[in-house]
Amino acid sequence: MATIRNLKIKSATCKRIIKELHSYEKEVEREAAKTADMKEKGADPYDLKQQENVLAESRMMIPDCRKRLEASLADLKGTLAELEESNQKDAPEILEAQSTLAEVEQLFHTTEA
């Protein structure tokens, strides 16, 4: 049985993962710029290799975040559907969850296009 509390938790989880995803994307941009700058300045090969490893690690986190976001989105959809079936459609938490759901789906549509 889904509860409003579970719905709030699942909504917050989706929002947190979206924040993480944006953070990793910014980190990749920052690290890529730093790596390019190091290459341009002719940095020590060891330092350059370490920086490339940092960049690769950051890039690996983005697909992981996406998988976690897809899983939490599925959980949120299931909980939301259960609560809507039990005639609790007017609760503010449900409206909040629907807006979170739309935000996540829009994020997936913009990155796929």
C-alpha atoms as a PDB file:
ATOM      1  CA  MET A   1       0.000   0.000   0.000  1.00  0.00           C
ATOM      2  CA  ALA A   2       1.480   3.289  -1.110  1.00  0.00           C
ATOM      3  CA  THR A   3       1.348   6.233   1.259  1.00  0.00           C
ATOM      4  CA  ILE A   4       1.778   9.960   0.881  1.00  0.00           C
ATOM      5  CA  ARG A   5       4.987   9.659   2.911  1.00  0.00           C
ATOM      6  CA  ASN A   6       6.438   7.138   0.437  1.00  0.00           C
ATOM      7  CA  LEU A   7       5.449   9.435  -2.412  1.00  0.00           C
ATOM      8  CA  LYS A   8       7.282  12.372  -0.806  1.00  0.00           C
ATOM      9  CA  ILE A   9      10.386  10.224  -0.322  1.00  0.00           C
ATOM     10  CA  LYS A  10      10.366   9.004  -3.926  1.00  0.00           C
ATOM     11  CA  SER A  11       9.837  12.555  -5.235  1.00  0.00           C
ATOM     12  CA  ALA A  12      12.739  13.839  -3.153  1.00  0.00           C
ATOM     13  CA  THR A  13      14.921  10.983  -4.405  1.00  0.00           C
ATOM     14  CA  CYS A  14      14.220  11.927  -8.021  1.00  0.00           C
ATOM     15  CA  LYS A  15      15.005  15.583  -7.321  1.00  0.00           C
ATOM     16  CA  ARG A  16      18.261  14.687  -5.562  1.00  0.00           C
ATOM     17  CA  ILE A  17      19.411  12.474  -8.439  1.00  0.00           C
ATOM     18  CA  ILE A  18      18.585  15.242 -10.942  1.00  0.00           C
ATOM     19  CA  LYS A  19      20.796  17.578  -8.916  1.00  0.00           C
ATOM     20  CA  GLU A  20      23.584  14.992  -8.901  1.00  0.00           C
ATOM     21  CA  LEU A  21      23.285  14.519 -12.656  1.00  0.00           C
ATOM     22  CA  HIS A  22      23.566  18.248 -13.313  1.00  0.00           C
ATOM     23  CA  SER A  23      26.504  18.437 -10.934  1.00  0.00           C
ATOM     24  CA  TYR A  24      28.359  15.651 -12.744  1.00  0.00           C
ATOM     25  CA  GLU A  25      27.662  17.251 -16.114  1.00  0.00           C
ATOM     26  CA  LYS A  26      29.156  20.534 -14.884  1.00  0.00           C
ATOM     27  CA  GLU A  27      32.112  18.663 -13.428  1.00  0.00           C
ATOM     28  CA  VAL A  28      32.804  16.969 -16.770  1.00  0.00           C
ATOM     29  CA  GLU A  29      32.778  20.347 -18.522  1.00  0.00           C
ATOM     30  CA  ARG A  30      35.135  21.807 -15.915  1.00  0.00           C
ATOM     31  CA  GLU A  31      37.519  18.857 -16.000  1.00  0.00           C
ATOM     32  CA  ALA A  32      37.512  18.728 -19.815  1.00  0.00           C
ATOM     33  CA  ALA A  33      38.483  22.393 -19.937  1.00  0.00           C
ATOM     34  CA  LYS A  34      41.211  21.788 -17.376  1.00  0.00           C
ATOM     35  CA  THR A  35      42.541  18.807 -19.359  1.00  0.00           C
ATOM     36  CA  ALA A  36      42.562  20.794 -22.606  1.00  0.00           C
ATOM     37  CA  ASP A  37      44.364  23.645 -20.860  1.00  0.00           C
ATOM     38  CA  MET A  38      46.980  21.241 -19.493  1.00  0.00           C
ATOM     39  CA  LYS A  39      47.541  19.751 -22.969  1.00  0.00           C
ATOM     40  CA  GLU A  40      47.835  23.218 -24.468  1.00  0.00           C
ATOM     41  CA  LYS A  41      50.406  24.299 -21.886  1.00  0.00           C
ATOM     42  CA  GLY A  42      52.409  21.096 -22.314  1.00  0.00           C
ATOM     43  CA  ALA A  43      51.988  19.808 -18.769  1.00  0.00           C
ATOM     44  CA  ASP A  44      53.956  16.899 -17.355  1.00  0.00           C
ATOM     45  CA  PRO A  45      52.735  13.618 -18.958  1.00  0.00           C
ATOM     46  CA  TYR A  46      52.115  12.033 -15.540  1.00  0.00           C
ATOM     47  CA  ASP A  47      49.954  14.978 -14.401  1.00  0.00           C
ATOM     48  CA  LEU A  48      48.112  14.941 -17.709  1.00  0.00           C
ATOM     49  CA  LYS A  49      47.423  11.205 -17.373  1.00  0.00           C
ATOM     50  CA  GLN A  50      46.065  11.729 -13.851  1.00  0.00           C
ATOM     51  CA  GLN A  51      43.818  14.547 -15.065  1.00  0.00           C
ATOM     52  CA  GLU A  52      42.522  12.341 -17.886  1.00  0.00           C
ATOM     53  CA  ASN A  53      41.703   9.657 -15.305  1.00  0.00           C
ATOM     54  CA  VAL A  54      39.749  12.222 -13.261  1.00  0.00           C
ATOM     55  CA  LEU A  55      37.840  13.238 -16.392  1.00  0.00           C
ATOM     56  CA  ALA A  56      37.100   9.604 -17.293  1.00  0.00           C
ATOM     57  CA  GLU A  57      35.803   8.937 -13.774  1.00  0.00           C
ATOM     58  CA  SER A  58      33.494  11.929 -13.967  1.00  0.00           C
ATOM     59  CA  ARG A  59      32.190  10.787 -17.354  1.00  0.00           C
ATOM     60  CA  MET A  60      31.463   7.311 -15.953  1.00  0.00           C
ATOM     61  CA  MET A  61      29.214   8.779 -13.263  1.00  0.00           C
ATOM     62  CA  ILE A  62      26.731  10.279 -15.740  1.00  0.00           C
ATOM     63  CA  PRO A  63      25.369   6.946 -17.093  1.00  0.00           C
ATOM     64  CA  ASP A  64      25.229   5.621 -13.526  1.00  0.00           C
ATOM     65  CA  CYS A  65      23.175   8.632 -12.464  1.00  0.00           C
ATOM     66  CA  ARG A  66      20.854   8.145 -15.425  1.00  0.00           C
ATOM     67  CA  LYS A  67      20.241   4.492 -14.480  1.00  0.00           C
ATOM     68  CA  ARG A  68      19.463   5.458 -10.890  1.00  0.00           C
ATOM     69  CA  LEU A  69      17.160   8.215 -12.110  1.00  0.00           C
ATOM     70  CA  GLU A  70      15.307   5.790 -14.395  1.00  0.00           C
ATOM     71  CA  ALA A  71      14.854   3.360 -11.497  1.00  0.00           C
ATOM     72  CA  SER A  72      13.599   6.039  -9.121  1.00  0.00           C
ATOM     73  CA  LEU A  73      11.307   7.379 -11.854  1.00  0.00           C
ATOM     74  CA  ALA A  74       9.739   3.927 -12.221  1.00  0.00           C
ATOM     75  CA  ASP A  75       9.246   3.739  -8.427  1.00  0.00           C
ATOM     76  CA  LEU A  76       7.669   7.184  -8.398  1.00  0.00           C
ATOM     77  CA  LYS A  77       5.307   6.292 -11.258  1.00  0.00           C
ATOM     78  CA  GLY A  78       4.194   3.123  -9.472  1.00  0.00           C
ATOM     79  CA  THR A  79       3.560   4.852  -6.173  1.00  0.00           C
ATOM     80  CA  LEU A  80       1.769   7.726  -7.872  1.00  0.00           C
ATOM     81  CA  ALA A  81      -0.475   5.325  -9.802  1.00  0.00           C
ATOM     82  CA  GLU A  82      -1.389   3.472  -6.592  1.00  0.00           C
ATOM     83  CA  LEU A  83      -2.297   6.675  -4.791  1.00  0.00           C
ATOM     84  CA  GLU A  84      -4.318   7.980  -7.729  1.00  0.00           C
ATOM     85  CA  GLU A  85      -6.291   4.722  -7.776  1.00  0.00           C
ATOM     86  CA  SER A  86      -7.084   5.124  -4.090  1.00  0.00           C
ATOM     87  CA  ASN A  87      -8.804   8.481  -4.804  1.00  0.00           C
ATOM     88  CA  GLN A  88      -6.235  10.728  -3.150  1.00  0.00           C
ATOM     89  CA  LYS A  89      -5.762  12.854  -6.271  1.00  0.00           C
ATOM     90  CA  ASP A  90      -6.161  16.242  -4.597  1.00  0.00           C
ATOM     91  CA  ALA A  91      -3.286  15.989  -2.132  1.00  0.00           C
ATOM     92  CA  PRO A  92      -0.566  18.626  -2.667  1.00  0.00           C
ATOM     93  CA  GLU A  93       2.057  15.885  -2.475  1.00  0.00           C
ATOM     94  CA  ILE A  94       0.533  14.209  -5.522  1.00  0.00           C
ATOM     95  CA  LEU A  95       0.667  17.447  -7.489  1.00  0.00           C
ATOM     96  CA  GLU A  96       4.296  17.877  -6.437  1.00  0.00           C
ATOM     97  CA  ALA A  97       5.083  14.318  -7.534  1.00  0.00           C
ATOM     98  CA  GLN A  98       3.392  14.885 -10.894  1.00  0.00           C
ATOM     99  CA  SER A  99       5.493  17.993 -11.470  1.00  0.00           C
ATOM    100  CA  THR A 100       8.661  16.068 -10.542  1.00  0.00           C
ATOM    101  CA  LEU A 101       7.619  13.303 -12.916  1.00  0.00           C
ATOM    102  CA  ALA A 102       7.141  15.802 -15.747  1.00  0.00           C
ATOM    103  CA  GLU A 103      10.523  17.387 -14.996  1.00  0.00           C
ATOM    104  CA  VAL A 104      12.340  14.046 -15.154  1.00  0.00           C
ATOM    105  CA  GLU A 105      10.583  12.978 -18.344  1.00  0.00           C
ATOM    106  CA  GLN A 106      11.402  16.324 -19.950  1.00  0.00           C
ATOM    107  CA  LEU A 107      15.048  15.854 -18.958  1.00  0.00           C
ATOM    108  CA  PHE A 108      15.108  12.455 -20.676  1.00  0.00           C
ATOM    109  CA  HIS A 109      13.407  13.826 -23.806  1.00  0.00           C
ATOM    110  CA  THR A 110      15.801  16.775 -24.158  1.00  0.00           C
ATOM    111  CA  THR A 111      18.904  14.599 -23.791  1.00  0.00           C
ATOM    112  CA  GLU A 112      17.646  12.003 -26.278  1.00  0.00           C
ATOM    113  CA  ALA A 113      16.799  14.560 -28.979  1.00  0.00           C
END
